[in-house]
């Protein structure tokens, strides 16, 4: 890992961070204050950025690639709670504030890069800047609500409905996330996921033709 202030691609990374959902409202002075704490870490597919049960936590800002938030039971069965990509973030802030171990793991779905800092350094920065803290905590609550909505969806929608909802809400992720990972997120078998995706592809040309036909007749 290399500190942002001494990274050879510092200028590019600063532009990427300026688009991040949490940092995009930061004034230049505050960004300069923050960047001395930021480490730039490259990761490979399958790398673990945070293990479930860890007490040593960090704040992650995604620069490139896709991450997943995963929870496991004692039998080793896993559930993918959410994905994050460029301009997004992942965090264990709530657990850190509650002085609890990380309730989930954060792992790499693809290769990529993050900017990270310790949760202690991030917490101290937030305490110095209450407006940023408020915006960040709102985003944390939004992510928690997103995970809860997803969990409810698994119980209320059938396989086709789950796939359709994910594709509608995250169209770019639908194409980027490997089928096995997406199937796990939607609580489907890879075989069911593959069959449903093929069915949607087969139906797509028919839908487009019908749309053209209806349009021709007003």
C-alpha atoms as a PDB file:
ATOM      1  CA  UNK A   1       0.000   0.000   0.000  1.00  0.00           C
ATOM      2  CA  UNK A   2       1.091   3.545  -0.771  1.00  0.00           C
ATOM      3  CA  UNK A   3      -0.114   6.768   0.816  1.00  0.00           C
ATOM      4  CA  UNK A   4      -2.081   8.920  -1.586  1.00  0.00           C
ATOM      5  CA  UNK A   5       0.187  11.928  -1.042  1.00  0.00           C
ATOM      6  CA  UNK A   6       3.164   9.966  -2.414  1.00  0.00           C
ATOM      7  CA  UNK A   7       1.361   7.804  -4.987  1.00  0.00           C
ATOM      8  CA  UNK A   8       2.633   8.143  -8.599  1.00  0.00           C
ATOM      9  CA  UNK A   9      -1.004   8.358  -9.840  1.00  0.00           C
ATOM     10  CA  UNK A  10      -2.046  10.855  -7.197  1.00  0.00           C
ATOM     11  CA  UNK A  11      -3.704  13.296  -9.605  1.00  0.00           C
ATOM     12  CA  UNK A  12      -5.838  10.597 -11.242  1.00  0.00           C
ATOM     13  CA  UNK A  13      -6.835   9.114  -7.893  1.00  0.00           C
ATOM     14  CA  UNK A  14      -7.821  12.526  -6.542  1.00  0.00           C
ATOM     15  CA  UNK A  15     -10.171  12.939  -9.520  1.00  0.00           C
ATOM     16  CA  UNK A  16     -11.679   9.517  -8.818  1.00  0.00           C
ATOM     17  CA  UNK A  17     -12.175  10.342  -5.139  1.00  0.00           C
ATOM     18  CA  UNK A  18     -13.832  13.638  -6.053  1.00  0.00           C
ATOM     19  CA  UNK A  19     -16.644  11.576  -7.640  1.00  0.00           C
ATOM     20  CA  UNK A  20     -17.124   9.322  -4.610  1.00  0.00           C
ATOM     21  CA  UNK A  21     -20.593   9.337  -3.091  1.00  0.00           C
ATOM     22  CA  UNK A  22     -19.193  10.313   0.320  1.00  0.00           C
ATOM     23  CA  UNK A  23     -16.358  12.668  -0.668  1.00  0.00           C
ATOM     24  CA  UNK A  24     -17.822  14.577  -3.605  1.00  0.00           C
ATOM     25  CA  UNK A  25     -19.023  17.476  -1.411  1.00  0.00           C
ATOM     26  CA  UNK A  26     -15.696  17.870   0.374  1.00  0.00           C
ATOM     27  CA  UNK A  27     -14.162  21.331   0.147  1.00  0.00           C
ATOM     28  CA  UNK A  28     -10.553  21.365  -1.177  1.00  0.00           C
ATOM     29  CA  UNK A  29      -9.206  22.282   2.255  1.00  0.00           C
ATOM     30  CA  UNK A  30     -10.909  19.288   3.875  1.00  0.00           C
ATOM     31  CA  UNK A  31      -9.823  16.958   1.083  1.00  0.00           C
ATOM     32  CA  UNK A  32      -6.213  18.051   1.615  1.00  0.00           C
ATOM     33  CA  UNK A  33      -6.613  17.334   5.311  1.00  0.00           C
ATOM     34  CA  UNK A  34      -8.041  13.873   4.637  1.00  0.00           C
ATOM     35  CA  UNK A  35      -5.697  12.690   1.918  1.00  0.00           C
ATOM     36  CA  UNK A  36      -2.664  12.429   4.201  1.00  0.00           C
ATOM     37  CA  UNK A  37      -4.433   9.520   5.940  1.00  0.00           C
ATOM     38  CA  UNK A  38      -5.519   7.689   2.773  1.00  0.00           C
ATOM     39  CA  UNK A  39      -3.698   4.548   1.644  1.00  0.00           C
ATOM     40  CA  UNK A  40      -4.101   3.215  -1.882  1.00  0.00           C
ATOM     41  CA  UNK A  41      -4.408  -0.565  -2.066  1.00  0.00           C
ATOM     42  CA  UNK A  42      -4.709  -2.713  -5.186  1.00  0.00           C
ATOM     43  CA  UNK A  43      -6.545  -6.012  -4.835  1.00  0.00           C
ATOM     44  CA  UNK A  44      -7.061  -9.201  -6.844  1.00  0.00           C
ATOM     45  CA  UNK A  45     -10.244 -11.181  -7.384  1.00  0.00           C
ATOM     46  CA  UNK A  46     -10.999 -13.073  -4.178  1.00  0.00           C
ATOM     47  CA  UNK A  47      -8.875 -10.901  -1.882  1.00  0.00           C
ATOM     48  CA  UNK A  48     -10.259 -10.277   1.608  1.00  0.00           C
ATOM     49  CA  UNK A  49     -10.325  -6.609   2.634  1.00  0.00           C
ATOM     50  CA  UNK A  50     -12.181  -7.236   5.894  1.00  0.00           C
ATOM     51  CA  UNK A  51     -12.886 -10.534   7.657  1.00  0.00           C
ATOM     52  CA  UNK A  52     -16.100 -11.213   9.549  1.00  0.00           C
ATOM     53  CA  UNK A  53     -15.307 -10.898  13.255  1.00  0.00           C
ATOM     54  CA  UNK A  54     -12.411  -8.454  12.809  1.00  0.00           C
ATOM     55  CA  UNK A  55     -11.938  -5.681  15.352  1.00  0.00           C
ATOM     56  CA  UNK A  56      -9.340  -3.833  13.260  1.00  0.00           C
ATOM     57  CA  UNK A  57     -11.589  -2.075  10.743  1.00  0.00           C
ATOM     58  CA  UNK A  58     -11.179   0.415   7.916  1.00  0.00           C
ATOM     59  CA  UNK A  59     -13.175   2.769   5.737  1.00  0.00           C
ATOM     60  CA  UNK A  60     -13.030   1.898   2.013  1.00  0.00           C
ATOM     61  CA  UNK A  61     -13.611   4.183  -0.981  1.00  0.00           C
ATOM     62  CA  UNK A  62     -13.810   2.150  -4.192  1.00  0.00           C
ATOM     63  CA  UNK A  63     -11.673   3.495  -7.037  1.00  0.00           C
ATOM     64  CA  UNK A  64     -11.838   0.563  -9.463  1.00  0.00           C
ATOM     65  CA  UNK A  65     -13.470  -2.854  -9.478  1.00  0.00           C
ATOM     66  CA  UNK A  66     -16.298  -4.498  -7.556  1.00  0.00           C
ATOM     67  CA  UNK A  67     -16.465  -5.517  -3.896  1.00  0.00           C
ATOM     68  CA  UNK A  68     -19.029  -7.626  -2.076  1.00  0.00           C
ATOM     69  CA  UNK A  69     -20.269  -7.580   1.511  1.00  0.00           C
ATOM     70  CA  UNK A  70     -20.679 -11.168   2.735  1.00  0.00           C
ATOM     71  CA  UNK A  71     -22.019 -12.750   5.914  1.00  0.00           C
ATOM     72  CA  UNK A  72     -21.349 -16.396   6.834  1.00  0.00           C
ATOM     73  CA  UNK A  73     -22.829 -18.778   9.397  1.00  0.00           C
ATOM     74  CA  UNK A  74     -20.965 -21.387  11.444  1.00  0.00           C
ATOM     75  CA  UNK A  75     -21.595 -24.024   8.772  1.00  0.00           C
ATOM     76  CA  UNK A  76     -19.861 -21.863   6.193  1.00  0.00           C
ATOM     77  CA  UNK A  77     -22.985 -20.937   4.235  1.00  0.00           C
ATOM     78  CA  UNK A  78     -22.629 -17.450   2.799  1.00  0.00           C
ATOM     79  CA  UNK A  79     -24.999 -14.674   1.816  1.00  0.00           C
ATOM     80  CA  UNK A  80     -23.909 -11.702  -0.276  1.00  0.00           C
ATOM     81  CA  UNK A  81     -25.589  -8.616   1.173  1.00  0.00           C
ATOM     82  CA  UNK A  82     -24.557  -6.030  -1.422  1.00  0.00           C
ATOM     83  CA  UNK A  83     -22.041  -5.075  -4.093  1.00  0.00           C
ATOM     84  CA  UNK A  84     -20.091  -1.827  -4.369  1.00  0.00           C
ATOM     85  CA  UNK A  85     -18.167  -0.388  -7.298  1.00  0.00           C
ATOM     86  CA  UNK A  86     -16.395   2.765  -8.499  1.00  0.00           C
ATOM     87  CA  UNK A  87     -17.567   5.975  -6.780  1.00  0.00           C
ATOM     88  CA  UNK A  88     -19.146   3.903  -3.992  1.00  0.00           C
ATOM     89  CA  UNK A  89     -17.829   2.909  -0.574  1.00  0.00           C
ATOM     90  CA  UNK A  90     -18.047   0.171   2.007  1.00  0.00           C
ATOM     91  CA  UNK A  91     -17.640   0.420   5.722  1.00  0.00           C
ATOM     92  CA  UNK A  92     -18.016  -1.229   9.117  1.00  0.00           C
ATOM     93  CA  UNK A  93     -18.704   2.126  10.772  1.00  0.00           C
ATOM     94  CA  UNK A  94     -21.802   1.046  12.706  1.00  0.00           C
ATOM     95  CA  UNK A  95     -20.011  -1.946  14.256  1.00  0.00           C
ATOM     96  CA  UNK A  96     -17.012   0.239  15.097  1.00  0.00           C
ATOM     97  CA  UNK A  97     -19.198   2.821  16.821  1.00  0.00           C
ATOM     98  CA  UNK A  98     -20.919   0.055  18.794  1.00  0.00           C
ATOM     99  CA  UNK A  99     -17.520  -1.478  19.650  1.00  0.00           C
ATOM    100  CA  UNK A 100     -18.553  -4.754  18.086  1.00  0.00           C
ATOM    101  CA  UNK A 101     -16.601  -7.043  15.736  1.00  0.00           C
ATOM    102  CA  UNK A 102     -17.285  -6.695  12.021  1.00  0.00           C
ATOM    103  CA  UNK A 103     -20.605  -8.506  11.351  1.00  0.00           C
ATOM    104  CA  UNK A 104     -19.638  -9.274   7.740  1.00  0.00           C
ATOM    105  CA  UNK A 105     -16.661  -9.641   5.447  1.00  0.00           C
ATOM    106  CA  UNK A 106     -15.712  -7.420   2.509  1.00  0.00           C
ATOM    107  CA  UNK A 107     -14.129  -9.274  -0.408  1.00  0.00           C
ATOM    108  CA  UNK A 108     -13.115  -8.559  -3.989  1.00  0.00           C
ATOM    109  CA  UNK A 109     -15.382  -9.764  -6.802  1.00  0.00           C
ATOM    110  CA  UNK A 110     -12.977  -8.450  -9.454  1.00  0.00           C
ATOM    111  CA  UNK A 111      -9.516  -6.970  -9.363  1.00  0.00           C
ATOM    112  CA  UNK A 112      -9.439  -3.290  -8.519  1.00  0.00           C
ATOM    113  CA  UNK A 113      -8.277  -0.567  -6.175  1.00  0.00           C
ATOM    114  CA  UNK A 114      -9.479   1.196  -3.042  1.00  0.00           C
ATOM    115  CA  UNK A 115      -8.501   4.207  -1.002  1.00  0.00           C
ATOM    116  CA  UNK A 116      -8.679   3.296   2.687  1.00  0.00           C
ATOM    117  CA  UNK A 117      -7.958   4.633   6.134  1.00  0.00           C
ATOM    118  CA  UNK A 118      -8.337   3.227   9.618  1.00  0.00           C
ATOM    119  CA  UNK A 119     -11.735   3.618  11.208  1.00  0.00           C
ATOM    120  CA  UNK A 120     -10.099   5.514  14.071  1.00  0.00           C
ATOM    121  CA  UNK A 121      -8.640   8.110  11.681  1.00  0.00           C
ATOM    122  CA  UNK A 122     -11.929   8.353   9.765  1.00  0.00           C
ATOM    123  CA  UNK A 123     -13.905   8.725  12.995  1.00  0.00           C
ATOM    124  CA  UNK A 124     -11.627  11.509  14.217  1.00  0.00           C
ATOM    125  CA  UNK A 125     -11.962  13.304  10.875  1.00  0.00           C
ATOM    126  CA  UNK A 126     -15.761  13.078  11.078  1.00  0.00           C
ATOM    127  CA  UNK A 127     -15.788  14.436  14.626  1.00  0.00           C
ATOM    128  CA  UNK A 128     -13.853  17.503  13.445  1.00  0.00           C
ATOM    129  CA  UNK A 129     -16.347  18.104  10.644  1.00  0.00           C
ATOM    130  CA  UNK A 130     -19.972  17.579  11.792  1.00  0.00           C
ATOM    131  CA  UNK A 131     -21.541  18.386   8.408  1.00  0.00           C
ATOM    132  CA  UNK A 132     -19.514  15.673   6.690  1.00  0.00           C
ATOM    133  CA  UNK A 133     -20.298  13.322   9.558  1.00  0.00           C
ATOM    134  CA  UNK A 134     -24.022  13.910   9.077  1.00  0.00           C
ATOM    135  CA  UNK A 135     -23.809  13.265   5.333  1.00  0.00           C
ATOM    136  CA  UNK A 136     -21.760  10.114   5.865  1.00  0.00           C
ATOM    137  CA  UNK A 137     -24.047   8.694   8.556  1.00  0.00           C
ATOM    138  CA  UNK A 138     -27.019   9.328   6.279  1.00  0.00           C
ATOM    139  CA  UNK A 139     -25.273   7.279   3.588  1.00  0.00           C
ATOM    140  CA  UNK A 140     -24.573   4.492   6.111  1.00  0.00           C
ATOM    141  CA  UNK A 141     -28.267   4.410   7.010  1.00  0.00           C
ATOM    142  CA  UNK A 142     -29.130   4.328   3.311  1.00  0.00           C
ATOM    143  CA  UNK A 143     -26.878   1.296   2.840  1.00  0.00           C
ATOM    144  CA  UNK A 144     -28.460  -0.452   5.830  1.00  0.00           C
ATOM    145  CA  UNK A 145     -31.902   0.247   4.375  1.00  0.00           C
ATOM    146  CA  UNK A 146     -30.735  -1.085   1.008  1.00  0.00           C
ATOM    147  CA  UNK A 147     -29.567  -4.348   2.600  1.00  0.00           C
ATOM    148  CA  UNK A 148     -32.840  -4.680   4.502  1.00  0.00           C
ATOM    149  CA  UNK A 149     -34.873  -4.107   1.326  1.00  0.00           C
ATOM    150  CA  UNK A 150     -32.829  -6.741  -0.446  1.00  0.00           C
ATOM    151  CA  UNK A 151     -33.417  -9.255   2.363  1.00  0.00           C
ATOM    152  CA  UNK A 152     -37.169  -8.608   2.232  1.00  0.00           C
ATOM    153  CA  UNK A 153     -37.079  -9.034  -1.541  1.00  0.00           C
ATOM    154  CA  UNK A 154     -35.656 -12.547  -1.162  1.00  0.00           C
ATOM    155  CA  UNK A 155     -38.775 -13.529   0.775  1.00  0.00           C
ATOM    156  CA  UNK A 156     -41.423 -11.706  -1.264  1.00  0.00           C
ATOM    157  CA  UNK A 157     -40.354 -12.148  -4.896  1.00  0.00           C
ATOM    158  CA  UNK A 158     -39.906 -15.266  -6.990  1.00  0.00           C
ATOM    159  CA  UNK A 159     -36.720 -15.933  -8.990  1.00  0.00           C
ATOM    160  CA  UNK A 160     -37.838 -13.890 -12.003  1.00  0.00           C
ATOM    161  CA  UNK A 161     -38.892 -10.976  -9.791  1.00  0.00           C
ATOM    162  CA  UNK A 162     -35.569 -10.902  -7.931  1.00  0.00           C
ATOM    163  CA  UNK A 163     -33.591 -10.874 -11.164  1.00  0.00           C
ATOM    164  CA  UNK A 164     -35.805  -8.199 -12.717  1.00  0.00           C
ATOM    165  CA  UNK A 165     -35.507  -5.968  -9.646  1.00  0.00           C
ATOM    166  CA  UNK A 166     -31.715  -6.267  -9.543  1.00  0.00           C
ATOM    167  CA  UNK A 167     -31.398  -5.581 -13.271  1.00  0.00           C
ATOM    168  CA  UNK A 168     -33.638  -2.528 -12.968  1.00  0.00           C
ATOM    169  CA  UNK A 169     -31.822  -1.066  -9.938  1.00  0.00           C
ATOM    170  CA  UNK A 170     -28.256  -2.004 -10.923  1.00  0.00           C
ATOM    171  CA  UNK A 171     -28.117  -2.491 -14.711  1.00  0.00           C
ATOM    172  CA  UNK A 172     -24.331  -2.122 -14.938  1.00  0.00           C
ATOM    173  CA  UNK A 173     -23.747  -4.574 -12.077  1.00  0.00           C
ATOM    174  CA  UNK A 174     -26.024  -7.099 -13.764  1.00  0.00           C
ATOM    175  CA  UNK A 175     -23.508  -7.391 -16.590  1.00  0.00           C
ATOM    176  CA  UNK A 176     -20.313  -7.063 -14.523  1.00  0.00           C
ATOM    177  CA  UNK A 177     -20.904  -9.436 -11.624  1.00  0.00           C
ATOM    178  CA  UNK A 178     -20.103 -13.107 -12.376  1.00  0.00           C
ATOM    179  CA  UNK A 179     -23.192 -15.290 -12.584  1.00  0.00           C
ATOM    180  CA  UNK A 180     -22.198 -17.405  -9.562  1.00  0.00           C
ATOM    181  CA  UNK A 181     -21.856 -14.280  -7.396  1.00  0.00           C
ATOM    182  CA  UNK A 182     -25.112 -12.795  -8.630  1.00  0.00           C
ATOM    183  CA  UNK A 183     -26.925 -16.104  -8.020  1.00  0.00           C
ATOM    184  CA  UNK A 184     -25.638 -16.144  -4.434  1.00  0.00           C
ATOM    185  CA  UNK A 185     -26.793 -12.564  -3.885  1.00  0.00           C
ATOM    186  CA  UNK A 186     -30.286 -13.419  -5.152  1.00  0.00           C
ATOM    187  CA  UNK A 187     -30.402 -16.732  -3.254  1.00  0.00           C
ATOM    188  CA  UNK A 188     -30.649 -18.753  -6.458  1.00  0.00           C
ATOM    189  CA  UNK A 189     -28.686 -21.709  -7.743  1.00  0.00           C
ATOM    190  CA  UNK A 190     -26.230 -20.905 -10.559  1.00  0.00           C
ATOM    191  CA  UNK A 191     -28.251 -23.216 -12.815  1.00  0.00           C
ATOM    192  CA  UNK A 192     -31.492 -21.318 -12.143  1.00  0.00           C
ATOM    193  CA  UNK A 193     -29.699 -18.001 -12.634  1.00  0.00           C
ATOM    194  CA  UNK A 194     -28.253 -19.144 -15.963  1.00  0.00           C
ATOM    195  CA  UNK A 195     -31.604 -20.453 -17.181  1.00  0.00           C
ATOM    196  CA  UNK A 196     -33.417 -17.229 -16.232  1.00  0.00           C
ATOM    197  CA  UNK A 197     -30.787 -15.028 -17.891  1.00  0.00           C
ATOM    198  CA  UNK A 198     -30.971 -17.056 -21.096  1.00  0.00           C
ATOM    199  CA  UNK A 199     -34.753 -16.814 -21.042  1.00  0.00           C
ATOM    200  CA  UNK A 200     -34.612 -13.018 -20.662  1.00  0.00           C
ATOM    201  CA  UNK A 201     -32.160 -12.760 -23.565  1.00  0.00           C
ATOM    202  CA  UNK A 202     -34.406 -14.895 -25.740  1.00  0.00           C
ATOM    203  CA  UNK A 203     -37.445 -12.744 -24.917  1.00  0.00           C
ATOM    204  CA  UNK A 204     -35.675  -9.402 -25.417  1.00  0.00           C
ATOM    205  CA  UNK A 205     -35.886  -9.340 -29.260  1.00  0.00           C
ATOM    206  CA  UNK A 206     -39.601 -10.199 -29.091  1.00  0.00           C
ATOM    207  CA  UNK A 207     -40.248  -7.368 -26.661  1.00  0.00           C
ATOM    208  CA  UNK A 208     -38.353  -4.905 -28.879  1.00  0.00           C
ATOM    209  CA  UNK A 209     -40.311  -5.989 -31.950  1.00  0.00           C
ATOM    210  CA  UNK A 210     -43.589  -5.534 -30.094  1.00  0.00           C
ATOM    211  CA  UNK A 211     -42.504  -2.067 -28.960  1.00  0.00           C
ATOM    212  CA  UNK A 212     -41.702  -1.101 -32.569  1.00  0.00           C
ATOM    213  CA  UNK A 213     -45.032  -2.479 -33.745  1.00  0.00           C
ATOM    214  CA  UNK A 214     -47.048  -0.593 -31.162  1.00  0.00           C
ATOM    215  CA  UNK A 215     -45.107   2.570 -31.912  1.00  0.00           C
ATOM    216  CA  UNK A 216     -45.908   2.266 -35.630  1.00  0.00           C
ATOM    217  CA  UNK A 217     -49.591   2.210 -34.918  1.00  0.00           C
ATOM    218  CA  UNK A 218     -49.456   5.099 -32.469  1.00  0.00           C
END
